[in-house]
Amino acid sequence: MTNNELEFFKNKYNFYKKKNKTKKHILLVDRQRYDATVINSIIALALNKKYKMNVILLSDLGKDNFIIKIYNQLGFKKYLKGINYLQFFKYPHIFFYSCLLTAYGVFKTLNNGFLWFINNYKVDRVPFGDLIYDTNVRFDHRYLKPKVDFRFIKLLIISTFRIMLISKYFKKYNVNKLVTGEENYSFNGGVALRLSIFRKIPNFVPGRTSDKEFEIQTYDKQKLYLGKDNIRVKNIYKKFLRFKPNINDINKFYNLRQNKLNQKFFWTQKNFTKANTVSKSGLNFIKKLSKIKKKKILYASHGFSDAVHQKGLSYAFKDYYDQLISTLKFIFKNDKDNIWIFRAHPSSKIYGEQSIFLKVINKYKSKNIMICPKNVPIKKLYNICDIVVTGSGSVGLEFICEGKQAILAGSSGYSNKEITPFFASSQKEYFSFLKNINLIKNPTIKQINLAKKALYFFESGKFISKKITAKNWVKDKIFKSFFINFFGMGMKYNDYIKLIHNMLIKDIFKSKVFNEIKKLV
């Protein structure tokens, strides 16, 4: 052990102690990342103090794992085991039923396709197909040729077993509150969150919104289907209606965003800066494109490996790659008149998707299909292109702000009819938009102003209901260092242990931030 570890594990911290006489429990789901242990634990502790319930930890990790030892040191001793192969023998009836449901899911998917699976695979009437599918295509570029193979069937059995096991835990331990750091994929966090939504159990998902602010997100069915930050979500729409900046304030914000690329914003954070990286070759491409006197359509791709359904279950395609290749096929067959520019997502480099993106575009060679090179600023493309087609990205809202229309393949934060009427609820509707793309008119002045207001609303963080701001923690001697270091996210293990030790040796219950968190939960 290092000196920091010895210091941490030899101390007795005044944190969580089981002492409430209640049958109701708070379920704390481990994210299996050491740098997420304490922030999740703080939310669970706040719930424990406010509602007088005991906390149970759920994890796939063994009791000797150093992450579990951190939780133990914080006082969380009650521990539920997630998935391992021994669990199949411990709960043979659950395993048997999981195999039956898997057989049904496989049969229906083979006959109806993965889109059926995404939208219709349920366990006890709760939809889980999207979580399982997104997990299936998350790794090893499996979105290229999704198929019902051994790996998918294995994932389906394990995921279904996990769902039923956690459902059993919910009932057995009378879970009344949930804390999880995961929202997507069919692992413990995503499954527990989905169950809590359909059982109307209050859930709490901590996360960073910027370098200075921290939010506590809660989910319900509306947020699940539309997306957690969708303007059509009831409480967000109410906030949007109450948000009444004057036109000067909106224009001031918009000009700042357009011209000060070193600024950070809530909704897009650093993505807008990355999207406007410039190079000589990029500017040359813009110059060449500006000379073409045809209608130009930008296709703004997403990262193929991203969880497509994290922004809402309403999506016309299986995944982002499916949308790209289906769009290419449609253009190649039906549109020889308009110029289509295909732009890779900045994250494609991180996921090793650049060569895949280039390969699929080159497969459909045509004079009117072009690849946008690297480092072409999105702001330049506003001026050159007439319309943008994307999945659910913020680029659509940015185009509308510039007086250009946007076509979306699904739900997005700004997808309501007043701002963008062209968000598809099905592939049929999506291709209808593409078929009639030359008839689509530019946004009205009212639509443009509403889009700018929406962008201001999202980028300034007005849509966030529960948050701890810099104003809360900057004078808090207990939490300040923890917040400055982003709760230890991305820190080396040894540095993280030192950071949390220095915080936990103080009386956390006297912290203004902790008591503010208690109010929010």
Foldseek 3Di string as FASTA:
>chain_A
DDPLVVLLQVDQFPADADDADDLEEEEQEDPPDLLCLVVLSLLRRLCCVQVVHYYEYEDQDDCPDVSVSNVVSNPHDHYDHFDDPVVCVVCVVLLVVLLVLLVVLQVCCVVPNLVCQLVPRDDPPQRDSLQLLLQVCLPPNCVVPPDPDPVSSVSSSSLSSRLVVVVVVCVNSVYQEYGYQDCGHSDNRVSNLSVCQVVVRWYWHWDDQALFKIATFTDHPVCAAQNRQACPPVVLVVLLVVDDDDPVVLVVVVVCVVPVLVDAFRQCGNQLSQLQFADPVLVVVLVVLQVDPAAEEEEEADQFSDSLSNNHSQFADSTRVRVVLVVLVCCLPQPQGAAYEYEYRPCCVVNVNPVVVVVSQVVSDHPRYHYRDPNNHLVSVLVRHQEYEYAADCSQLVSLLSQHHYAHRTHYRHPDCLQHVHYDRYVVSSVVCVNCVVVDHTDDPSNNSSSSSVVVCRRNPSSGDGMDGNVQAVPFPLCNQCSSCVSCVPHDPSVNSNSVSSNRVDDPVPTSVSVSSSVRD
